[in-house]
Amino acid sequence: MKVLEEGSELTLDFAKLVKVVEACRDAIPVAVQHADTREVILVAYTNELAMRTAFAQRTLVLWSTSRNELWEKGKTSGETFELLEARVNCEQNSLLYIVRPRRGGICHTKNSSGAPRDCYYRRIDFDNLTLTNIDP
């Protein structure tokens, strides 16, 4: 079990933006929304290369800030996404991608049934800041 991804302890990475700036100075955040449910299923990053690649291929391509490379979401697992629409915020410093899964969920993690799930599968307890898996 990967503690960060499956554990019940809240360990937020408040330094993520510093890491992004240090690794890739030309990246902006992208909120990814499921076209049918309107659920926000992922927040990631893009740069101009990843954005243009995503637009050209009409698939969810992002910029991996940890690997510093193009990242087609789900390419290794087969859980890829069709890019249906892209929107920009008023300050033009973040994007919203509206996508439709070609199959399954979005997260690289799986539930106990082996089914892919969305990335937001743990609820935070307001009182003690512990996590509860809502798709175990």
C-alpha atoms as a PDB file:
ATOM      1  CA  MET A   1       0.000   0.000   0.000  1.00  0.00           C
ATOM      2  CA  LYS A   2       1.254   3.475  -0.862  1.00  0.00           C
ATOM      3  CA  VAL A   3       0.682   5.540   2.274  1.00  0.00           C
ATOM      4  CA  LEU A   4       0.310   8.868   0.441  1.00  0.00           C
ATOM      5  CA  GLU A   5      -2.319   7.474  -1.940  1.00  0.00           C
ATOM      6  CA  GLU A   6      -4.146   5.001   0.292  1.00  0.00           C
ATOM      7  CA  GLY A   7      -3.446   6.117   3.862  1.00  0.00           C
ATOM      8  CA  SER A   8      -5.753   7.942   6.246  1.00  0.00           C
ATOM      9  CA  GLU A   9      -3.272  10.686   7.234  1.00  0.00           C
ATOM     10  CA  LEU A  10      -3.602  14.142   5.653  1.00  0.00           C
ATOM     11  CA  THR A  11      -0.172  15.178   4.291  1.00  0.00           C
ATOM     12  CA  LEU A  12      -0.850  18.055   1.903  1.00  0.00           C
ATOM     13  CA  ASP A  13       1.983  19.278  -0.324  1.00  0.00           C
ATOM     14  CA  PHE A  14       1.774  23.022   0.313  1.00  0.00           C
ATOM     15  CA  ALA A  15       5.123  23.467  -1.459  1.00  0.00           C
ATOM     16  CA  LYS A  16       3.855  22.051  -4.787  1.00  0.00           C
ATOM     17  CA  LEU A  17       3.723  25.418  -6.548  1.00  0.00           C
ATOM     18  CA  VAL A  18       7.307  26.198  -5.531  1.00  0.00           C
ATOM     19  CA  LYS A  19       8.354  22.834  -6.976  1.00  0.00           C
ATOM     20  CA  VAL A  20       6.443  23.563 -10.194  1.00  0.00           C
ATOM     21  CA  VAL A  21       8.092  26.958 -10.596  1.00  0.00           C
ATOM     22  CA  GLU A  22      11.539  25.504  -9.931  1.00  0.00           C
ATOM     23  CA  ALA A  23      11.028  22.610 -12.370  1.00  0.00           C
ATOM     24  CA  CYS A  24       8.996  24.306 -15.075  1.00  0.00           C
ATOM     25  CA  ARG A  25       8.651  28.065 -15.093  1.00  0.00           C
ATOM     26  CA  ASP A  26       6.142  28.098 -17.944  1.00  0.00           C
ATOM     27  CA  ALA A  27       3.387  25.874 -16.521  1.00  0.00           C
ATOM     28  CA  ILE A  28      -0.132  26.862 -15.516  1.00  0.00           C
ATOM     29  CA  PRO A  29      -2.810  24.870 -13.653  1.00  0.00           C
ATOM     30  CA  VAL A  30      -5.530  22.951 -15.467  1.00  0.00           C
ATOM     31  CA  ALA A  31      -8.730  21.821 -13.797  1.00  0.00           C
ATOM     32  CA  VAL A  32     -10.114  18.746 -15.548  1.00  0.00           C
ATOM     33  CA  GLN A  33     -13.870  18.258 -15.497  1.00  0.00           C
ATOM     34  CA  HIS A  34     -15.917  15.219 -16.540  1.00  0.00           C
ATOM     35  CA  ALA A  35     -18.213  16.286 -19.394  1.00  0.00           C
ATOM     36  CA  ASP A  36     -21.165  14.181 -18.266  1.00  0.00           C
ATOM     37  CA  THR A  37     -21.111  14.525 -14.471  1.00  0.00           C
ATOM     38  CA  ARG A  38     -19.419  17.965 -14.307  1.00  0.00           C
ATOM     39  CA  GLU A  39     -17.308  16.574 -11.471  1.00  0.00           C
ATOM     40  CA  VAL A  40     -13.792  18.002 -11.166  1.00  0.00           C
ATOM     41  CA  ILE A  41     -11.715  14.870 -11.541  1.00  0.00           C
ATOM     42  CA  LEU A  42      -8.162  16.200 -11.618  1.00  0.00           C
ATOM     43  CA  VAL A  43      -6.041  19.318 -11.198  1.00  0.00           C
ATOM     44  CA  ALA A  44      -2.774  19.231 -13.116  1.00  0.00           C
ATOM     45  CA  TYR A  45      -0.462  21.497 -15.109  1.00  0.00           C
ATOM     46  CA  THR A  46       0.147  22.360 -18.730  1.00  0.00           C
ATOM     47  CA  ASN A  47       2.625  24.385 -20.716  1.00  0.00           C
ATOM     48  CA  GLU A  48       2.326  25.602 -24.290  1.00  0.00           C
ATOM     49  CA  LEU A  49       3.690  22.363 -25.779  1.00  0.00           C
ATOM     50  CA  ALA A  50       1.298  20.173 -23.777  1.00  0.00           C
ATOM     51  CA  MET A  51      -1.643  22.473 -24.523  1.00  0.00           C
ATOM     52  CA  ARG A  52      -1.004  22.515 -28.263  1.00  0.00           C
ATOM     53  CA  THR A  53      -0.495  18.739 -28.275  1.00  0.00           C
ATOM     54  CA  ALA A  54      -3.763  18.218 -26.392  1.00  0.00           C
ATOM     55  CA  PHE A  55      -5.635  20.492 -28.788  1.00  0.00           C
ATOM     56  CA  ALA A  56      -4.154  18.850 -31.882  1.00  0.00           C
ATOM     57  CA  GLN A  57      -4.822  15.296 -30.664  1.00  0.00           C
ATOM     58  CA  ARG A  58      -8.131  16.098 -28.888  1.00  0.00           C
ATOM     59  CA  THR A  59      -6.900  14.024 -25.962  1.00  0.00           C
ATOM     60  CA  LEU A  60      -5.944  14.849 -22.373  1.00  0.00           C
ATOM     61  CA  VAL A  61      -2.242  15.691 -22.596  1.00  0.00           C
ATOM     62  CA  LEU A  62      -0.669  17.557 -19.687  1.00  0.00           C
ATOM     63  CA  TRP A  63       2.797  18.516 -18.484  1.00  0.00           C
ATOM     64  CA  SER A  64       4.305  16.278 -15.819  1.00  0.00           C
ATOM     65  CA  THR A  65       6.011  18.646 -13.402  1.00  0.00           C
ATOM     66  CA  SER A  66       7.675  15.738 -11.590  1.00  0.00           C
ATOM     67  CA  ARG A  67       9.113  14.126 -14.753  1.00  0.00           C
ATOM     68  CA  ASN A  68       9.384  17.353 -16.780  1.00  0.00           C
ATOM     69  CA  GLU A  69       7.795  15.805 -19.878  1.00  0.00           C
ATOM     70  CA  LEU A  70       4.578  15.486 -21.849  1.00  0.00           C
ATOM     71  CA  TRP A  71       2.084  13.299 -20.041  1.00  0.00           C
ATOM     72  CA  GLU A  72      -0.861  11.723 -21.837  1.00  0.00           C
ATOM     73  CA  LYS A  73      -3.147  10.932 -18.938  1.00  0.00           C
ATOM     74  CA  GLY A  74      -3.901   7.224 -18.848  1.00  0.00           C
ATOM     75  CA  LYS A  75      -1.636   6.178 -21.704  1.00  0.00           C
ATOM     76  CA  THR A  76       0.026   3.358 -19.736  1.00  0.00           C
ATOM     77  CA  SER A  77      -3.185   2.175 -18.032  1.00  0.00           C
ATOM     78  CA  GLY A  78      -5.463   2.598 -21.049  1.00  0.00           C
ATOM     79  CA  GLU A  79      -7.656   5.071 -19.119  1.00  0.00           C
ATOM     80  CA  THR A  80      -7.352   7.905 -21.662  1.00  0.00           C
ATOM     81  CA  PHE A  81      -9.636  10.895 -22.163  1.00  0.00           C
ATOM     82  CA  GLU A  82     -11.140  12.695 -25.100  1.00  0.00           C
ATOM     83  CA  LEU A  83     -10.669  16.473 -24.839  1.00  0.00           C
ATOM     84  CA  LEU A  84     -14.018  18.009 -25.765  1.00  0.00           C
ATOM     85  CA  GLU A  85     -13.578  21.637 -24.779  1.00  0.00           C
ATOM     86  CA  ALA A  86     -11.039  24.015 -23.260  1.00  0.00           C
ATOM     87  CA  ARG A  87     -11.771  27.235 -21.397  1.00  0.00           C
ATOM     88  CA  VAL A  88      -9.528  29.966 -19.994  1.00  0.00           C
ATOM     89  CA  ASN A  89     -10.099  31.997 -16.824  1.00  0.00           C
ATOM     90  CA  CYS A  90     -10.449  35.792 -16.809  1.00  0.00           C
ATOM     91  CA  GLU A  91      -6.767  36.401 -15.990  1.00  0.00           C
ATOM     92  CA  GLN A  92      -5.594  33.840 -18.558  1.00  0.00           C
ATOM     93  CA  ASN A  93      -3.457  32.013 -16.007  1.00  0.00           C
ATOM     94  CA  SER A  94      -5.358  28.733 -15.720  1.00  0.00           C
ATOM     95  CA  LEU A  95      -7.399  26.453 -17.952  1.00  0.00           C
ATOM     96  CA  LEU A  96     -10.420  24.220 -17.624  1.00  0.00           C
ATOM     97  CA  TYR A  97     -10.461  21.089 -19.768  1.00  0.00           C
ATOM     98  CA  ILE A  98     -13.766  19.308 -20.235  1.00  0.00           C
ATOM     99  CA  VAL A  99     -13.131  15.654 -20.991  1.00  0.00           C
ATOM    100  CA  ARG A 100     -14.885  12.346 -21.446  1.00  0.00           C
ATOM    101  CA  PRO A 101     -13.236   9.126 -20.324  1.00  0.00           C
ATOM    102  CA  ARG A 102     -12.792   6.679 -23.160  1.00  0.00           C
ATOM    103  CA  ARG A 103     -13.259   3.976 -20.512  1.00  0.00           C
ATOM    104  CA  GLY A 104     -13.146   3.692 -16.720  1.00  0.00           C
ATOM    105  CA  GLY A 105     -11.976   6.331 -14.253  1.00  0.00           C
ATOM    106  CA  ILE A 106      -9.159   8.827 -14.218  1.00  0.00           C
ATOM    107  CA  CYS A 107      -6.887   7.947 -11.293  1.00  0.00           C
ATOM    108  CA  HIS A 108      -3.866   5.660 -11.509  1.00  0.00           C
ATOM    109  CA  THR A 109      -5.122   4.078  -8.282  1.00  0.00           C
ATOM    110  CA  LYS A 110      -7.780   1.381  -8.253  1.00  0.00           C
ATOM    111  CA  ASN A 111     -10.425   0.498  -5.698  1.00  0.00           C
ATOM    112  CA  SER A 112     -10.601  -2.902  -4.015  1.00  0.00           C
ATOM    113  CA  SER A 113     -12.584  -4.258  -6.980  1.00  0.00           C
ATOM    114  CA  GLY A 114      -9.742  -3.271  -9.309  1.00  0.00           C
ATOM    115  CA  ALA A 115     -11.799  -0.535 -10.967  1.00  0.00           C
ATOM    116  CA  PRO A 116     -10.171   2.829 -11.704  1.00  0.00           C
ATOM    117  CA  ARG A 117     -11.613   5.694  -9.704  1.00  0.00           C
ATOM    118  CA  ASP A 118     -11.538   9.483  -9.791  1.00  0.00           C
ATOM    119  CA  CYS A 119      -8.632  11.209  -8.036  1.00  0.00           C
ATOM    120  CA  TYR A 120     -10.819  12.720  -5.298  1.00  0.00           C
ATOM    121  CA  TYR A 121     -11.694   9.464  -3.527  1.00  0.00           C
ATOM    122  CA  ARG A 122     -10.917  10.450   0.077  1.00  0.00           C
ATOM    123  CA  ARG A 123     -12.988  12.740   2.290  1.00  0.00           C
ATOM    124  CA  ILE A 124     -11.299  14.947   4.924  1.00  0.00           C
ATOM    125  CA  ASP A 125     -12.759  14.886   8.430  1.00  0.00           C
ATOM    126  CA  PHE A 126     -13.048  18.559   9.450  1.00  0.00           C
ATOM    127  CA  ASP A 127     -12.438  17.867  13.134  1.00  0.00           C
ATOM    128  CA  ASN A 128      -9.398  15.591  13.165  1.00  0.00           C
ATOM    129  CA  LEU A 129      -8.087  16.003   9.570  1.00  0.00           C
ATOM    130  CA  THR A 130      -8.081  12.268   8.892  1.00  0.00           C
ATOM    131  CA  LEU A 131      -9.034  10.822   5.536  1.00  0.00           C
ATOM    132  CA  THR A 132     -11.815   8.384   4.765  1.00  0.00           C
ATOM    133  CA  ASN A 133     -11.746   6.449   1.503  1.00  0.00           C
ATOM    134  CA  ILE A 134     -15.185   6.772  -0.107  1.00  0.00           C
ATOM    135  CA  ASP A 135     -14.325   4.386  -2.961  1.00  0.00           C
ATOM    136  CA  PRO A 136     -12.339   1.648  -1.204  1.00  0.00           C
END
